[in-house]
Amino acid sequence: MDVSAVLAAQVEPELLFDLVADLARYPDWLEIVPRAQAVEPDPSDAGPAWSVDLRGQLGLLSRSKRLRMVRTQSDSPRIARFERRELDSRSHSDWVLEARVEALSAVECTLTMSLHYGGTMWVPMLDRLLADEIERSRGRLLSVLGVGS
């Protein structure tokens, strides 16, 4: 499953990038991420690591999942990429999140968030859940940045 969303913001690109490049800040604006805590990176990690809880509910059906995510790319203020990197020997579904910030001027930019999920467990509800959350999160993200929607 692949989902993308775009947001235009009247904010400095660096400010937006700093927010989306740190998964610990996602609970401030993304309801499906109630917790994201920095953890000690493994020597094999390409960058910092986080333990991230995902929680979603549609009607009476709710699911939660804990992922270990690593920032595998950081090109400030343009691209931050995170990938699931568990430390056990089990096989896990891919989770890849990429945030791309495109500067339109010194105080205006766009953010494109792309999520790839390679599993099947969440698929029946994930598409609808993400569509709803994307719409709700836009205003919260802009509020965290201190700009109007």
C-alpha atoms as a PDB file:
ATOM      1  CA  MET A   1       0.000   0.000   0.000  1.00  0.00           C
ATOM      2  CA  ASP A   2       1.292   3.435  -0.945  1.00  0.00           C
ATOM      3  CA  VAL A   3      -0.259   6.706   0.191  1.00  0.00           C
ATOM      4  CA  SER A   4       0.881  10.280  -0.463  1.00  0.00           C
ATOM      5  CA  ALA A   5      -0.394  13.644   0.700  1.00  0.00           C
ATOM      6  CA  VAL A   6       0.689  17.221  -0.041  1.00  0.00           C
ATOM      7  CA  LEU A   7       0.415  20.281   2.187  1.00  0.00           C
ATOM      8  CA  ALA A   8       1.219  23.893   1.288  1.00  0.00           C
ATOM      9  CA  ALA A   9       2.474  26.005   4.184  1.00  0.00           C
ATOM     10  CA  GLN A  10       3.392  29.644   4.673  1.00  0.00           C
ATOM     11  CA  VAL A  11       6.454  28.783   6.753  1.00  0.00           C
ATOM     12  CA  GLU A  12      10.209  28.623   6.386  1.00  0.00           C
ATOM     13  CA  PRO A  13      11.205  25.300   4.785  1.00  0.00           C
ATOM     14  CA  GLU A  14      13.815  24.669   7.510  1.00  0.00           C
ATOM     15  CA  LEU A  15      11.201  25.011  10.252  1.00  0.00           C
ATOM     16  CA  LEU A  16       8.900  22.503   8.557  1.00  0.00           C
ATOM     17  CA  PHE A  17      11.768  20.127   7.843  1.00  0.00           C
ATOM     18  CA  ASP A  18      12.957  20.198  11.462  1.00  0.00           C
ATOM     19  CA  LEU A  19       9.479  19.146  12.557  1.00  0.00           C
ATOM     20  CA  VAL A  20       8.984  16.271  10.106  1.00  0.00           C
ATOM     21  CA  ALA A  21      12.575  14.993  10.431  1.00  0.00           C
ATOM     22  CA  ASP A  22      12.034  14.103  14.111  1.00  0.00           C
ATOM     23  CA  LEU A  23       9.562  11.284  14.723  1.00  0.00           C
ATOM     24  CA  ALA A  24       9.351  12.255  18.411  1.00  0.00           C
ATOM     25  CA  ARG A  25       7.377  15.341  17.263  1.00  0.00           C
ATOM     26  CA  TYR A  26       4.749  13.372  15.316  1.00  0.00           C
ATOM     27  CA  PRO A  27       2.421  12.827  18.318  1.00  0.00           C
ATOM     28  CA  ASP A  28       2.088  16.638  18.481  1.00  0.00           C
ATOM     29  CA  TRP A  29       0.182  16.647  15.195  1.00  0.00           C
ATOM     30  CA  LEU A  30      -0.549  13.096  14.045  1.00  0.00           C
ATOM     31  CA  GLU A  31      -3.293  11.388  16.026  1.00  0.00           C
ATOM     32  CA  ILE A  32      -2.482   7.874  14.782  1.00  0.00           C
ATOM     33  CA  VAL A  33       0.970   8.242  16.382  1.00  0.00           C
ATOM     34  CA  PRO A  34       0.195   8.551  20.103  1.00  0.00           C
ATOM     35  CA  ARG A  35       3.815   7.846  21.084  1.00  0.00           C
ATOM     36  CA  ALA A  36       7.198   8.140  19.380  1.00  0.00           C
ATOM     37  CA  GLN A  37      10.222   7.940  21.605  1.00  0.00           C
ATOM     38  CA  ALA A  38      13.888   8.190  20.656  1.00  0.00           C
ATOM     39  CA  VAL A  39      15.779   4.961  21.365  1.00  0.00           C
ATOM     40  CA  GLU A  40      19.436   4.051  21.314  1.00  0.00           C
ATOM     41  CA  PRO A  41      20.452   3.412  17.707  1.00  0.00           C
ATOM     42  CA  ASP A  42      22.004   0.090  16.773  1.00  0.00           C
ATOM     43  CA  PRO A  43      25.528   0.251  15.289  1.00  0.00           C
ATOM     44  CA  SER A  44      24.027  -0.928  11.978  1.00  0.00           C
ATOM     45  CA  ASP A  45      21.492   1.939  11.855  1.00  0.00           C
ATOM     46  CA  ALA A  46      22.028   4.671   9.270  1.00  0.00           C
ATOM     47  CA  GLY A  47      20.711   7.353  11.644  1.00  0.00           C
ATOM     48  CA  PRO A  48      18.693   7.973  14.795  1.00  0.00           C
ATOM     49  CA  ALA A  49      16.021   5.470  15.862  1.00  0.00           C
ATOM     50  CA  TRP A  50      12.597   5.713  17.483  1.00  0.00           C
ATOM     51  CA  SER A  51      10.078   3.359  19.006  1.00  0.00           C
ATOM     52  CA  VAL A  52       6.774   4.377  17.414  1.00  0.00           C
ATOM     53  CA  ASP A  53       3.285   3.354  18.463  1.00  0.00           C
ATOM     54  CA  LEU A  54       0.595   3.447  15.794  1.00  0.00           C
ATOM     55  CA  ARG A  55      -3.048   3.330  16.776  1.00  0.00           C
ATOM     56  CA  GLY A  56      -6.091   3.478  14.591  1.00  0.00           C
ATOM     57  CA  GLN A  57      -9.800   3.000  15.048  1.00  0.00           C
ATOM     58  CA  LEU A  58     -12.690   2.749  12.627  1.00  0.00           C
ATOM     59  CA  GLY A  59     -15.957   2.282  14.393  1.00  0.00           C
ATOM     60  CA  LEU A  60     -15.565  -0.537  16.916  1.00  0.00           C
ATOM     61  CA  LEU A  61     -12.472  -1.960  15.225  1.00  0.00           C
ATOM     62  CA  SER A  62      -9.162  -0.725  16.590  1.00  0.00           C
ATOM     63  CA  ARG A  63      -5.600  -1.807  15.989  1.00  0.00           C
ATOM     64  CA  SER A  64      -2.260  -0.842  17.418  1.00  0.00           C
ATOM     65  CA  LYS A  65       1.277  -1.592  16.410  1.00  0.00           C
ATOM     66  CA  ARG A  66       4.738  -0.764  17.727  1.00  0.00           C
ATOM     67  CA  LEU A  67       7.511  -0.227  15.188  1.00  0.00           C
ATOM     68  CA  ARG A  68      11.182   0.524  15.488  1.00  0.00           C
ATOM     69  CA  MET A  69      11.900   3.195  12.880  1.00  0.00           C
ATOM     70  CA  VAL A  70      15.277   4.528  11.751  1.00  0.00           C
ATOM     71  CA  ARG A  71      15.951   7.717   9.826  1.00  0.00           C
ATOM     72  CA  THR A  72      17.817   6.346   6.825  1.00  0.00           C
ATOM     73  CA  GLN A  73      18.116   9.611   4.925  1.00  0.00           C
ATOM     74  CA  SER A  74      18.318  13.220   6.016  1.00  0.00           C
ATOM     75  CA  ASP A  75      19.046  15.954   3.519  1.00  0.00           C
ATOM     76  CA  SER A  76      18.073  19.154   5.307  1.00  0.00           C
ATOM     77  CA  PRO A  77      15.855  20.957   4.484  1.00  0.00           C
ATOM     78  CA  ARG A  78      14.541  18.699   1.733  1.00  0.00           C
ATOM     79  CA  ILE A  79      14.189  14.992   2.512  1.00  0.00           C
ATOM     80  CA  ALA A  80      13.807  12.853   5.610  1.00  0.00           C
ATOM     81  CA  ARG A  81      13.237   9.131   5.109  1.00  0.00           C
ATOM     82  CA  PHE A  82      12.379   6.620   7.817  1.00  0.00           C
ATOM     83  CA  GLU A  83      12.348   2.837   7.519  1.00  0.00           C
ATOM     84  CA  ARG A  84      11.300   0.054   9.807  1.00  0.00           C
ATOM     85  CA  ARG A  85      14.353  -1.664  11.276  1.00  0.00           C
ATOM     86  CA  GLU A  86      13.542  -4.225  13.955  1.00  0.00           C
ATOM     87  CA  LEU A  87      16.424  -5.798  15.850  1.00  0.00           C
ATOM     88  CA  ASP A  88      15.031  -9.312  16.218  1.00  0.00           C
ATOM     89  CA  SER A  89      15.596 -12.097  13.726  1.00  0.00           C
ATOM     90  CA  ARG A  90      11.975 -12.265  12.574  1.00  0.00           C
ATOM     91  CA  SER A  91      10.678 -11.139   9.196  1.00  0.00           C
ATOM     92  CA  HIS A  92       8.653  -7.897   9.338  1.00  0.00           C
ATOM     93  CA  SER A  93       6.526  -5.974   6.857  1.00  0.00           C
ATOM     94  CA  ASP A  94       8.107  -2.888   5.347  1.00  0.00           C
ATOM     95  CA  TRP A  95       7.097   0.530   6.646  1.00  0.00           C
ATOM     96  CA  VAL A  96       8.744   3.441   4.830  1.00  0.00           C
ATOM     97  CA  LEU A  97       7.859   7.069   5.469  1.00  0.00           C
ATOM     98  CA  GLU A  98       9.344   9.859   3.387  1.00  0.00           C
ATOM     99  CA  ALA A  99       8.893  13.574   3.998  1.00  0.00           C
ATOM    100  CA  ARG A 100       9.882  15.913   1.138  1.00  0.00           C
ATOM    101  CA  VAL A 101       9.930  19.658   1.663  1.00  0.00           C
ATOM    102  CA  GLU A 102      10.078  21.849  -1.429  1.00  0.00           C
ATOM    103  CA  ALA A 103      10.930  25.503  -0.901  1.00  0.00           C
ATOM    104  CA  LEU A 104       8.789  27.859  -2.963  1.00  0.00           C
ATOM    105  CA  SER A 105      10.307  30.949  -1.327  1.00  0.00           C
ATOM    106  CA  ALA A 106      12.086  31.812   1.915  1.00  0.00           C
ATOM    107  CA  VAL A 107       8.753  31.635   3.766  1.00  0.00           C
ATOM    108  CA  GLU A 108       6.637  29.231   1.724  1.00  0.00           C
ATOM    109  CA  CYS A 109       6.979  25.539   0.950  1.00  0.00           C
ATOM    110  CA  THR A 110       5.156  22.328   0.251  1.00  0.00           C
ATOM    111  CA  LEU A 111       5.395  19.096   2.184  1.00  0.00           C
ATOM    112  CA  THR A 112       4.833  15.755   0.489  1.00  0.00           C
ATOM    113  CA  MET A 113       4.469  12.820   2.868  1.00  0.00           C
ATOM    114  CA  SER A 114       4.644   9.342   1.335  1.00  0.00           C
ATOM    115  CA  LEU A 115       3.988   6.124   3.224  1.00  0.00           C
ATOM    116  CA  HIS A 116       4.675   2.633   1.956  1.00  0.00           C
ATOM    117  CA  TYR A 117       3.350  -0.352   3.893  1.00  0.00           C
ATOM    118  CA  GLY A 118       4.365  -3.773   2.594  1.00  0.00           C
ATOM    119  CA  GLY A 119       2.150  -5.935   4.781  1.00  0.00           C
ATOM    120  CA  THR A 120      -1.413  -7.163   4.692  1.00  0.00           C
ATOM    121  CA  MET A 121      -2.552  -7.018   8.337  1.00  0.00           C
ATOM    122  CA  TRP A 122      -3.808  -3.428   8.332  1.00  0.00           C
ATOM    123  CA  VAL A 123      -4.848  -3.110   4.702  1.00  0.00           C
ATOM    124  CA  PRO A 124      -8.635  -3.463   5.126  1.00  0.00           C
ATOM    125  CA  MET A 125      -8.778  -0.410   7.387  1.00  0.00           C
ATOM    126  CA  LEU A 126      -5.517   1.381   6.645  1.00  0.00           C
ATOM    127  CA  ASP A 127      -6.592   3.140   3.457  1.00  0.00           C
ATOM    128  CA  ARG A 128      -9.680   4.721   5.036  1.00  0.00           C
ATOM    129  CA  LEU A 129      -7.906   5.427   8.312  1.00  0.00           C
ATOM    130  CA  LEU A 130      -5.047   7.236   6.572  1.00  0.00           C
ATOM    131  CA  ALA A 131      -7.334   9.262   4.336  1.00  0.00           C
ATOM    132  CA  ASP A 132      -9.262  10.496   7.365  1.00  0.00           C
ATOM    133  CA  GLU A 133      -6.107  11.167   9.394  1.00  0.00           C
ATOM    134  CA  ILE A 134      -4.425  13.087   6.588  1.00  0.00           C
ATOM    135  CA  GLU A 135      -7.320  15.540   6.485  1.00  0.00           C
ATOM    136  CA  ARG A 136      -7.445  15.945  10.279  1.00  0.00           C
ATOM    137  CA  SER A 137      -3.678  16.329  10.658  1.00  0.00           C
ATOM    138  CA  ARG A 138      -3.250  19.227   8.222  1.00  0.00           C
ATOM    139  CA  GLY A 139      -4.590  21.857  10.614  1.00  0.00           C
ATOM    140  CA  ARG A 140      -2.777  20.365  13.601  1.00  0.00           C
ATOM    141  CA  LEU A 141       0.550  20.415  11.759  1.00  0.00           C
ATOM    142  CA  LEU A 142       0.097  24.037  10.746  1.00  0.00           C
ATOM    143  CA  SER A 143      -0.897  24.905  14.323  1.00  0.00           C
ATOM    144  CA  VAL A 144       2.260  23.257  15.714  1.00  0.00           C
ATOM    145  CA  LEU A 145       4.237  25.346  13.222  1.00  0.00           C
ATOM    146  CA  GLY A 146       2.448  28.483  14.448  1.00  0.00           C
ATOM    147  CA  VAL A 147       0.735  29.288  11.147  1.00  0.00           C
ATOM    148  CA  GLY A 148      -2.936  29.463  10.208  1.00  0.00           C
ATOM    149  CA  SER A 149      -4.532  26.841   7.993  1.00  0.00           C
END
